Amino acid sequence: MRTLAVLVLALVLCAPVLAKGNPARLRLSALSPVTAKGAGFHSGEFVRLTLKMGHLTKVRGARATARGTFSVVWPGVTLSGCDWRVAAVGGGGSRALLKSTPGACQTLPPFDG
């Protein structure tokens, strides 16, 4: 009886960790127009996406499918420069962040001509 009680207590304490599943993910699928795709969000969850690029801020919303995926397009916006980030925040608590990495944007040395 004591072993069963310990087993039940362990399952109750581990349930939130085991139920978490795949964390929310975000990726860019196109640079012009900027298109973001998400996965791992809660089924039917409304997700607010914020694109920041320099001084420009654009916000879009999407509803996750039954599989927890979505796609958002910012029409007329082209990703340029190395200072950008896309944040996705779901109404059910899912979160994902995607941002530029300074090492990926290397500038060329000045041209001596």
C-alpha atoms as a PDB file:
ATOM      1  CA  MET A   1       0.000   0.000   0.000  1.00  0.00           C
ATOM      2  CA  ARG A   2       2.830   2.385   0.861  1.00  0.00           C
ATOM      3  CA  THR A   3       4.555   1.660  -2.473  1.00  0.00           C
ATOM      4  CA  LEU A   4       1.360   2.473  -4.353  1.00  0.00           C
ATOM      5  CA  ALA A   5       1.033   5.781  -2.491  1.00  0.00           C
ATOM      6  CA  VAL A   6       4.630   6.722  -3.359  1.00  0.00           C
ATOM      7  CA  LEU A   7       4.038   5.811  -7.009  1.00  0.00           C
ATOM      8  CA  VAL A   8       0.845   7.906  -7.212  1.00  0.00           C
ATOM      9  CA  LEU A   9       2.583  10.870  -5.548  1.00  0.00           C
ATOM     10  CA  ALA A  10       5.489  10.627  -8.018  1.00  0.00           C
ATOM     11  CA  LEU A  11       3.103  10.613 -10.976  1.00  0.00           C
ATOM     12  CA  VAL A  12       1.201  13.621  -9.641  1.00  0.00           C
ATOM     13  CA  LEU A  13       4.407  15.583  -9.170  1.00  0.00           C
ATOM     14  CA  CYS A  14       5.789  14.633 -12.602  1.00  0.00           C
ATOM     15  CA  ALA A  15       2.556  15.112 -14.571  1.00  0.00           C
ATOM     16  CA  PRO A  16       3.141  18.809 -15.428  1.00  0.00           C
ATOM     17  CA  VAL A  17       6.632  18.019 -16.709  1.00  0.00           C
ATOM     18  CA  LEU A  18       5.474  15.029 -18.740  1.00  0.00           C
ATOM     19  CA  ALA A  19       2.440  16.866 -20.157  1.00  0.00           C
ATOM     20  CA  LYS A  20       4.534  19.791 -21.394  1.00  0.00           C
ATOM     21  CA  GLY A  21       5.378  17.995 -24.664  1.00  0.00           C
ATOM     22  CA  ASN A  22       7.158  19.882 -27.408  1.00  0.00           C
ATOM     23  CA  PRO A  23       7.964  23.503 -26.638  1.00  0.00           C
ATOM     24  CA  ALA A  24       6.659  26.204 -28.938  1.00  0.00           C
ATOM     25  CA  ARG A  25       8.944  26.896 -31.924  1.00  0.00           C
ATOM     26  CA  LEU A  26       9.156  29.676 -34.467  1.00  0.00           C
ATOM     27  CA  ARG A  27      10.969  29.976 -37.800  1.00  0.00           C
ATOM     28  CA  LEU A  28      11.070  32.282 -40.812  1.00  0.00           C
ATOM     29  CA  SER A  29       9.993  30.649 -44.053  1.00  0.00           C
ATOM     30  CA  ALA A  30      10.365  33.719 -46.308  1.00  0.00           C
ATOM     31  CA  LEU A  31      12.192  37.035 -46.116  1.00  0.00           C
ATOM     32  CA  SER A  32      10.046  38.944 -48.624  1.00  0.00           C
ATOM     33  CA  PRO A  33       7.351  39.290 -47.568  1.00  0.00           C
ATOM     34  CA  VAL A  34       8.388  38.264 -44.065  1.00  0.00           C
ATOM     35  CA  THR A  35       6.641  34.993 -43.221  1.00  0.00           C
ATOM     36  CA  ALA A  36       6.816  33.268 -39.844  1.00  0.00           C
ATOM     37  CA  LYS A  37       5.695  29.718 -39.091  1.00  0.00           C
ATOM     38  CA  GLY A  38       5.053  28.357 -35.630  1.00  0.00           C
ATOM     39  CA  ALA A  39       4.674  24.857 -34.209  1.00  0.00           C
ATOM     40  CA  GLY A  40       4.247  23.325 -30.773  1.00  0.00           C
ATOM     41  CA  PHE A  41       1.548  25.784 -29.694  1.00  0.00           C
ATOM     42  CA  HIS A  42      -1.685  24.711 -27.988  1.00  0.00           C
ATOM     43  CA  SER A  43      -4.495  23.548 -30.255  1.00  0.00           C
ATOM     44  CA  GLY A  44      -6.719  26.504 -31.191  1.00  0.00           C
ATOM     45  CA  GLU A  45      -4.590  28.965 -29.222  1.00  0.00           C
ATOM     46  CA  PHE A  46      -4.630  32.586 -30.407  1.00  0.00           C
ATOM     47  CA  VAL A  47      -1.040  33.725 -30.965  1.00  0.00           C
ATOM     48  CA  ARG A  48       0.086  37.363 -31.154  1.00  0.00           C
ATOM     49  CA  LEU A  49       3.222  37.837 -33.247  1.00  0.00           C
ATOM     50  CA  THR A  50       5.347  40.959 -33.056  1.00  0.00           C
ATOM     51  CA  LEU A  51       7.981  41.716 -35.689  1.00  0.00           C
ATOM     52  CA  LYS A  52      10.534  44.361 -34.715  1.00  0.00           C
ATOM     53  CA  MET A  53      13.085  45.519 -37.265  1.00  0.00           C
ATOM     54  CA  GLY A  54      15.000  48.641 -36.293  1.00  0.00           C
ATOM     55  CA  HIS A  55      12.330  51.257 -35.517  1.00  0.00           C
ATOM     56  CA  LEU A  56       9.589  49.321 -37.339  1.00  0.00           C
ATOM     57  CA  THR A  57       7.118  47.288 -35.269  1.00  0.00           C
ATOM     58  CA  LYS A  58       4.396  45.173 -36.900  1.00  0.00           C
ATOM     59  CA  VAL A  59       1.871  43.012 -35.053  1.00  0.00           C
ATOM     60  CA  ARG A  60      -0.222  40.166 -36.476  1.00  0.00           C
ATOM     61  CA  GLY A  61      -2.378  37.478 -34.942  1.00  0.00           C
ATOM     62  CA  ALA A  62      -3.047  33.866 -35.829  1.00  0.00           C
ATOM     63  CA  ARG A  63      -5.006  30.954 -34.457  1.00  0.00           C
ATOM     64  CA  ALA A  64      -3.083  27.708 -34.071  1.00  0.00           C
ATOM     65  CA  THR A  65      -4.484  24.692 -35.880  1.00  0.00           C
ATOM     66  CA  ALA A  66      -5.522  21.503 -34.103  1.00  0.00           C
ATOM     67  CA  ARG A  67      -1.903  20.373 -34.554  1.00  0.00           C
ATOM     68  CA  GLY A  68      -0.587  23.593 -32.937  1.00  0.00           C
ATOM     69  CA  THR A  69       0.833  25.178 -36.097  1.00  0.00           C
ATOM     70  CA  PHE A  70       0.260  28.531 -37.803  1.00  0.00           C
ATOM     71  CA  SER A  71       1.667  30.779 -40.512  1.00  0.00           C
ATOM     72  CA  VAL A  72       1.713  34.585 -40.571  1.00  0.00           C
ATOM     73  CA  VAL A  73       2.693  36.934 -43.412  1.00  0.00           C
ATOM     74  CA  TRP A  74       3.550  40.615 -43.065  1.00  0.00           C
ATOM     75  CA  PRO A  75       2.607  41.892 -46.560  1.00  0.00           C
ATOM     76  CA  GLY A  76       4.925  44.540 -47.971  1.00  0.00           C
ATOM     77  CA  VAL A  77       7.618  43.950 -45.339  1.00  0.00           C
ATOM     78  CA  THR A  78      11.038  42.654 -46.382  1.00  0.00           C
ATOM     79  CA  LEU A  79      13.578  41.527 -43.819  1.00  0.00           C
ATOM     80  CA  SER A  80      16.643  43.722 -44.076  1.00  0.00           C
ATOM     81  CA  GLY A  81      19.533  44.394 -41.790  1.00  0.00           C
ATOM     82  CA  CYS A  82      20.735  42.530 -38.746  1.00  0.00           C
ATOM     83  CA  ASP A  83      18.517  44.117 -36.106  1.00  0.00           C
ATOM     84  CA  TRP A  84      15.276  42.121 -36.097  1.00  0.00           C
ATOM     85  CA  ARG A  85      13.240  39.824 -33.878  1.00  0.00           C
ATOM     86  CA  VAL A  86       9.931  37.985 -34.015  1.00  0.00           C
ATOM     87  CA  ALA A  87       8.137  37.127 -30.776  1.00  0.00           C
ATOM     88  CA  ALA A  88       5.096  34.854 -30.553  1.00  0.00           C
ATOM     89  CA  VAL A  89       2.956  34.856 -27.407  1.00  0.00           C
ATOM     90  CA  GLY A  90      -0.033  32.557 -27.162  1.00  0.00           C
ATOM     91  CA  GLY A  91      -3.116  33.126 -25.047  1.00  0.00           C
ATOM     92  CA  GLY A  92      -2.606  29.696 -23.471  1.00  0.00           C
ATOM     93  CA  GLY A  93       0.926  30.488 -22.284  1.00  0.00           C
ATOM     94  CA  SER A  94       2.993  29.269 -25.245  1.00  0.00           C
ATOM     95  CA  ARG A  95       5.957  31.489 -26.143  1.00  0.00           C
ATOM     96  CA  ALA A  96       8.650  31.487 -28.803  1.00  0.00           C
ATOM     97  CA  LEU A  97      11.286  34.015 -29.843  1.00  0.00           C
ATOM     98  CA  LEU A  98      13.368  34.261 -32.984  1.00  0.00           C
ATOM     99  CA  LYS A  99      16.003  36.956 -33.434  1.00  0.00           C
ATOM    100  CA  SER A 100      18.939  37.854 -35.590  1.00  0.00           C
ATOM    101  CA  THR A 101      22.424  36.889 -34.562  1.00  0.00           C
ATOM    102  CA  PRO A 102      25.138  39.511 -34.960  1.00  0.00           C
ATOM    103  CA  GLY A 103      27.643  36.893 -36.162  1.00  0.00           C
ATOM    104  CA  ALA A 104      25.399  36.021 -39.122  1.00  0.00           C
ATOM    105  CA  CYS A 105      25.505  39.608 -40.400  1.00  0.00           C
ATOM    106  CA  GLN A 106      29.088  40.426 -41.132  1.00  0.00           C
ATOM    107  CA  THR A 107      29.892  43.643 -42.926  1.00  0.00           C
ATOM    108  CA  LEU A 108      32.493  43.819 -45.641  1.00  0.00           C
ATOM    109  CA  PRO A 109      35.665  45.794 -44.952  1.00  0.00           C
ATOM    110  CA  PRO A 110      35.841  49.262 -46.518  1.00  0.00           C
ATOM    111  CA  PHE A 111      36.851  49.293 -50.183  1.00  0.00           C
ATOM    112  CA  ASP A 112      40.141  51.050 -50.926  1.00  0.00           C
ATOM    113  CA  GLY A 113      39.857  52.030 -54.511  1.00  0.00           C
END
